[in-house]
Amino acid sequence: MIEVSGKLKWQSRRGMRELDLMLLPFVEIDLPKCDEATLKAYTDLLEASDLELVRWFNGTETADSQSRIDIIDFIKKCHATRMGREDV
């Protein structure tokens, strides 16, 4: 388990409801159970703009690196599990 900093939690608040619904539960519930590599990938993901993130999460664009594609898929899978849906 890793410790998630308050700074990272704050950076996860994007101000767009669509993103907040995905990122805030992930950083609070799922990320602490992950390893350092996942933390690094998530930290890198947060460097993207809100517009990029929305497009990547809704699938209208593909993220610009395999690492970002993988962490987005993982976040979406965690979200689906929390929502009781495994089909995402």
N, C-alpha and C. Protein backbone atom coordinates (compact mmCIF):
# COMPACT_ATOMS: atom_id res chain seq x y z
N MET A 1 0.84 -1.19 0.00
CA MET A 1 0.00 0.00 0.00
C MET A 1 0.88 1.25 0.00
N ILE A 2 0.38 2.27 -0.64
CA ILE A 2 1.11 3.53 -0.69
C ILE A 2 0.31 4.61 0.03
N GLU A 3 1.00 5.63 0.42
CA GLU A 3 0.34 6.78 1.04
C GLU A 3 0.14 7.85 -0.02
N VAL A 4 -1.10 8.30 -0.15
CA VAL A 4 -1.44 9.33 -1.13
C VAL A 4 -1.39 10.68 -0.43
N SER A 5 -0.61 11.58 -0.99
CA SER A 5 -0.43 12.89 -0.37
C SER A 5 -1.67 13.77 -0.53
N GLY A 6 -1.80 14.72 0.36
CA GLY A 6 -2.87 15.70 0.25
C GLY A 6 -2.76 16.50 -1.04
N LYS A 7 -1.53 16.77 -1.46
CA LYS A 7 -1.30 17.52 -2.70
C LYS A 7 -1.87 16.75 -3.89
N LEU A 8 -1.63 15.46 -3.94
CA LEU A 8 -2.14 14.65 -5.04
C LEU A 8 -3.67 14.60 -5.02
N LYS A 9 -4.24 14.52 -3.83
CA LYS A 9 -5.70 14.55 -3.72
C LYS A 9 -6.24 15.88 -4.23
N TRP A 10 -5.58 16.97 -3.87
CA TRP A 10 -6.00 18.29 -4.32
C TRP A 10 -5.89 18.40 -5.85
N GLN A 11 -4.82 17.89 -6.42
CA GLN A 11 -4.63 17.95 -7.87
C GLN A 11 -5.66 17.10 -8.60
N SER A 12 -6.24 16.13 -7.92
CA SER A 12 -7.25 15.28 -8.53
C SER A 12 -8.59 15.99 -8.66
N ARG A 13 -8.78 17.07 -7.94
CA ARG A 13 -9.99 17.90 -8.07
C ARG A 13 -9.83 18.75 -9.30
N ARG A 14 -10.55 18.42 -10.35
CA ARG A 14 -10.34 19.09 -11.62
C ARG A 14 -11.37 20.18 -11.89
N GLY A 15 -12.46 20.21 -11.15
CA GLY A 15 -13.46 21.24 -11.38
C GLY A 15 -14.44 20.90 -12.49
N MET A 16 -14.30 19.75 -13.07
CA MET A 16 -15.26 19.26 -14.06
C MET A 16 -15.92 18.02 -13.47
N ARG A 17 -17.21 18.07 -13.37
CA ARG A 17 -17.94 16.99 -12.70
C ARG A 17 -17.58 15.61 -13.25
N GLU A 18 -17.48 15.50 -14.57
CA GLU A 18 -17.19 14.21 -15.19
C GLU A 18 -15.86 13.65 -14.69
N LEU A 19 -14.88 14.53 -14.57
CA LEU A 19 -13.56 14.08 -14.10
C LEU A 19 -13.57 13.82 -12.60
N ASP A 20 -14.20 14.70 -11.84
CA ASP A 20 -14.23 14.52 -10.39
C ASP A 20 -14.90 13.20 -10.00
N LEU A 21 -15.92 12.80 -10.73
CA LEU A 21 -16.61 11.54 -10.42
C LEU A 21 -15.73 10.32 -10.66
N MET A 22 -14.76 10.45 -11.54
CA MET A 22 -13.84 9.34 -11.81
C MET A 22 -12.60 9.41 -10.92
N LEU A 23 -12.01 10.60 -10.84
CA LEU A 23 -10.69 10.74 -10.21
C LEU A 23 -10.74 10.76 -8.68
N LEU A 24 -11.70 11.46 -8.10
CA LEU A 24 -11.70 11.58 -6.64
C LEU A 24 -11.91 10.24 -5.93
N PRO A 25 -12.88 9.43 -6.34
CA PRO A 25 -12.98 8.12 -5.70
C PRO A 25 -11.75 7.24 -5.95
N PHE A 26 -11.17 7.36 -7.15
CA PHE A 26 -9.98 6.58 -7.45
C PHE A 26 -8.84 6.94 -6.50
N VAL A 27 -8.60 8.23 -6.32
CA VAL A 27 -7.47 8.64 -5.48
C VAL A 27 -7.75 8.35 -4.00
N GLU A 28 -9.00 8.36 -3.59
CA GLU A 28 -9.35 8.09 -2.19
C GLU A 28 -9.42 6.59 -1.87
N ILE A 29 -9.96 5.81 -2.80
CA ILE A 29 -10.26 4.40 -2.51
C ILE A 29 -9.27 3.43 -3.14
N ASP A 30 -9.00 3.63 -4.42
CA ASP A 30 -8.23 2.62 -5.16
C ASP A 30 -6.72 2.85 -5.15
N LEU A 31 -6.30 4.08 -5.34
CA LEU A 31 -4.87 4.36 -5.44
C LEU A 31 -4.07 3.94 -4.21
N PRO A 32 -4.60 4.11 -2.99
CA PRO A 32 -3.81 3.67 -1.82
C PRO A 32 -3.49 2.17 -1.82
N LYS A 33 -4.25 1.40 -2.57
CA LYS A 33 -4.02 -0.06 -2.63
C LYS A 33 -3.03 -0.44 -3.72
N CYS A 34 -2.58 0.54 -4.49
CA CYS A 34 -1.74 0.27 -5.65
C CYS A 34 -0.25 0.36 -5.31
N ASP A 35 0.57 0.12 -6.31
CA ASP A 35 2.02 0.18 -6.14
C ASP A 35 2.57 1.52 -6.62
N GLU A 36 3.87 1.69 -6.44
CA GLU A 36 4.54 2.95 -6.81
C GLU A 36 4.45 3.25 -8.31
N ALA A 37 4.49 2.21 -9.13
CA ALA A 37 4.41 2.41 -10.58
C ALA A 37 3.05 3.02 -10.97
N THR A 38 1.99 2.56 -10.33
CA THR A 38 0.66 3.10 -10.60
C THR A 38 0.58 4.54 -10.11
N LEU A 39 1.15 4.81 -8.96
CA LEU A 39 1.19 6.18 -8.44
C LEU A 39 1.91 7.10 -9.41
N LYS A 40 3.02 6.64 -9.93
CA LYS A 40 3.79 7.45 -10.89
C LYS A 40 2.98 7.71 -12.16
N ALA A 41 2.32 6.68 -12.66
CA ALA A 41 1.50 6.83 -13.87
C ALA A 41 0.34 7.80 -13.62
N TYR A 42 -0.27 7.72 -12.45
CA TYR A 42 -1.38 8.61 -12.11
C TYR A 42 -0.89 10.06 -11.98
N THR A 43 0.24 10.24 -11.34
CA THR A 43 0.82 11.58 -11.20
C THR A 43 1.10 12.18 -12.57
N ASP A 44 1.64 11.37 -13.48
CA ASP A 44 1.88 11.84 -14.84
C ASP A 44 0.57 12.19 -15.54
N LEU A 45 -0.46 11.39 -15.35
CA LEU A 45 -1.75 11.66 -15.98
C LEU A 45 -2.30 13.01 -15.57
N LEU A 46 -2.12 13.38 -14.31
CA LEU A 46 -2.66 14.64 -13.81
C LEU A 46 -1.99 15.86 -14.43
N GLU A 47 -0.88 15.67 -15.13
CA GLU A 47 -0.23 16.79 -15.81
C GLU A 47 -0.98 17.20 -17.08
N ALA A 48 -1.87 16.35 -17.56
CA ALA A 48 -2.66 16.67 -18.76
C ALA A 48 -3.73 17.70 -18.42
N SER A 49 -4.19 18.39 -19.43
CA SER A 49 -5.25 19.39 -19.22
C SER A 49 -6.59 18.69 -19.00
N ASP A 50 -7.53 19.43 -18.43
CA ASP A 50 -8.86 18.88 -18.20
C ASP A 50 -9.50 18.45 -19.52
N LEU A 51 -9.36 19.25 -20.54
CA LEU A 51 -9.95 18.92 -21.84
C LEU A 51 -9.37 17.62 -22.40
N GLU A 52 -8.06 17.46 -22.29
CA GLU A 52 -7.44 16.21 -22.73
C GLU A 52 -7.99 15.03 -21.94
N LEU A 53 -8.07 15.19 -20.63
CA LEU A 53 -8.56 14.11 -19.78
C LEU A 53 -9.99 13.71 -20.13
N VAL A 54 -10.85 14.69 -20.33
CA VAL A 54 -12.24 14.38 -20.69
C VAL A 54 -12.29 13.61 -21.99
N ARG A 55 -11.55 14.06 -22.97
CA ARG A 55 -11.54 13.39 -24.27
C ARG A 55 -10.99 11.97 -24.16
N TRP A 56 -9.95 11.79 -23.35
CA TRP A 56 -9.36 10.47 -23.18
C TRP A 56 -10.32 9.54 -22.44
N PHE A 57 -10.96 10.05 -21.39
CA PHE A 57 -11.86 9.20 -20.62
C PHE A 57 -13.13 8.85 -21.38
N ASN A 58 -13.64 9.77 -22.20
CA ASN A 58 -14.88 9.45 -22.93
C ASN A 58 -14.60 8.76 -24.26
N GLY A 59 -13.32 8.62 -24.62
CA GLY A 59 -12.95 7.85 -25.78
C GLY A 59 -12.99 8.59 -27.11
N THR A 60 -13.17 9.91 -27.09
CA THR A 60 -13.16 10.64 -28.35
C THR A 60 -11.75 10.85 -28.88
N GLU A 61 -10.76 10.72 -28.01
CA GLU A 61 -9.35 10.76 -28.40
C GLU A 61 -8.61 9.70 -27.61
N THR A 62 -7.46 9.31 -28.13
CA THR A 62 -6.60 8.35 -27.45
C THR A 62 -5.49 9.11 -26.75
N ALA A 63 -5.18 8.70 -25.53
CA ALA A 63 -4.11 9.34 -24.77
C ALA A 63 -2.79 9.26 -25.54
N ASP A 64 -1.88 10.15 -25.20
CA ASP A 64 -0.66 10.33 -25.97
C ASP A 64 0.50 9.41 -25.58
N SER A 65 0.28 8.49 -24.64
CA SER A 65 1.32 7.52 -24.30
C SER A 65 0.66 6.24 -23.80
N GLN A 66 1.38 5.14 -23.91
CA GLN A 66 0.84 3.86 -23.45
C GLN A 66 0.61 3.88 -21.95
N SER A 67 1.48 4.54 -21.22
CA SER A 67 1.32 4.64 -19.77
C SER A 67 0.00 5.32 -19.42
N ARG A 68 -0.32 6.39 -20.12
CA ARG A 68 -1.57 7.10 -19.87
C ARG A 68 -2.78 6.28 -20.31
N ILE A 69 -2.66 5.58 -21.40
CA ILE A 69 -3.75 4.70 -21.84
C ILE A 69 -4.02 3.64 -20.77
N ASP A 70 -2.96 3.06 -20.25
CA ASP A 70 -3.10 1.99 -19.25
C ASP A 70 -3.72 2.51 -17.95
N ILE A 71 -3.29 3.67 -17.47
CA ILE A 71 -3.84 4.18 -16.20
C ILE A 71 -5.29 4.61 -16.39
N ILE A 72 -5.64 5.15 -17.53
CA ILE A 72 -7.03 5.51 -17.80
C ILE A 72 -7.90 4.26 -17.81
N ASP A 73 -7.44 3.21 -18.47
CA ASP A 73 -8.18 1.95 -18.49
C ASP A 73 -8.35 1.41 -17.07
N PHE A 74 -7.29 1.51 -16.27
CA PHE A 74 -7.36 1.02 -14.89
C PHE A 74 -8.34 1.84 -14.06
N ILE A 75 -8.32 3.14 -14.20
CA ILE A 75 -9.26 4.01 -13.46
C ILE A 75 -10.69 3.68 -13.87
N LYS A 76 -10.93 3.52 -15.16
CA LYS A 76 -12.27 3.19 -15.64
C LYS A 76 -12.73 1.84 -15.12
N LYS A 77 -11.82 0.89 -15.04
CA LYS A 77 -12.16 -0.44 -14.51
C LYS A 77 -12.49 -0.35 -13.02
N CYS A 78 -11.71 0.41 -12.27
CA CYS A 78 -11.98 0.61 -10.84
C CYS A 78 -13.34 1.28 -10.64
N HIS A 79 -13.63 2.27 -11.46
CA HIS A 79 -14.90 2.98 -11.38
C HIS A 79 -16.06 2.02 -11.67
N ALA A 80 -15.93 1.22 -12.70
CA ALA A 80 -16.98 0.26 -13.05
C ALA A 80 -17.21 -0.73 -11.92
N THR A 81 -16.15 -1.16 -11.29
CA THR A 81 -16.27 -2.10 -10.17
C THR A 81 -17.02 -1.45 -9.01
N ARG A 82 -16.69 -0.20 -8.70
CA ARG A 82 -17.40 0.51 -7.63
C ARG A 82 -18.88 0.69 -7.96
N MET A 83 -19.20 0.86 -9.24
CA MET A 83 -20.58 1.07 -9.68
C MET A 83 -21.32 -0.24 -9.88
N GLY A 84 -20.61 -1.36 -9.66
CA GLY A 84 -21.24 -2.67 -9.81
C GLY A 84 -21.36 -3.13 -11.26
N ARG A 85 -20.56 -2.50 -12.13
CA ARG A 85 -20.57 -2.87 -13.56
C ARG A 85 -19.17 -3.33 -13.94
N GLU A 86 -19.09 -4.46 -14.53
CA GLU A 86 -17.79 -4.99 -14.96
C GLU A 86 -17.60 -4.87 -16.47
N ASP A 87 -18.56 -4.28 -17.18
CA ASP A 87 -18.55 -4.29 -18.64
C ASP A 87 -17.84 -3.13 -19.29
N VAL A 88 -17.12 -2.34 -18.53
CA VAL A 88 -16.43 -1.16 -19.09
C VAL A 88 -15.07 -1.57 -19.60
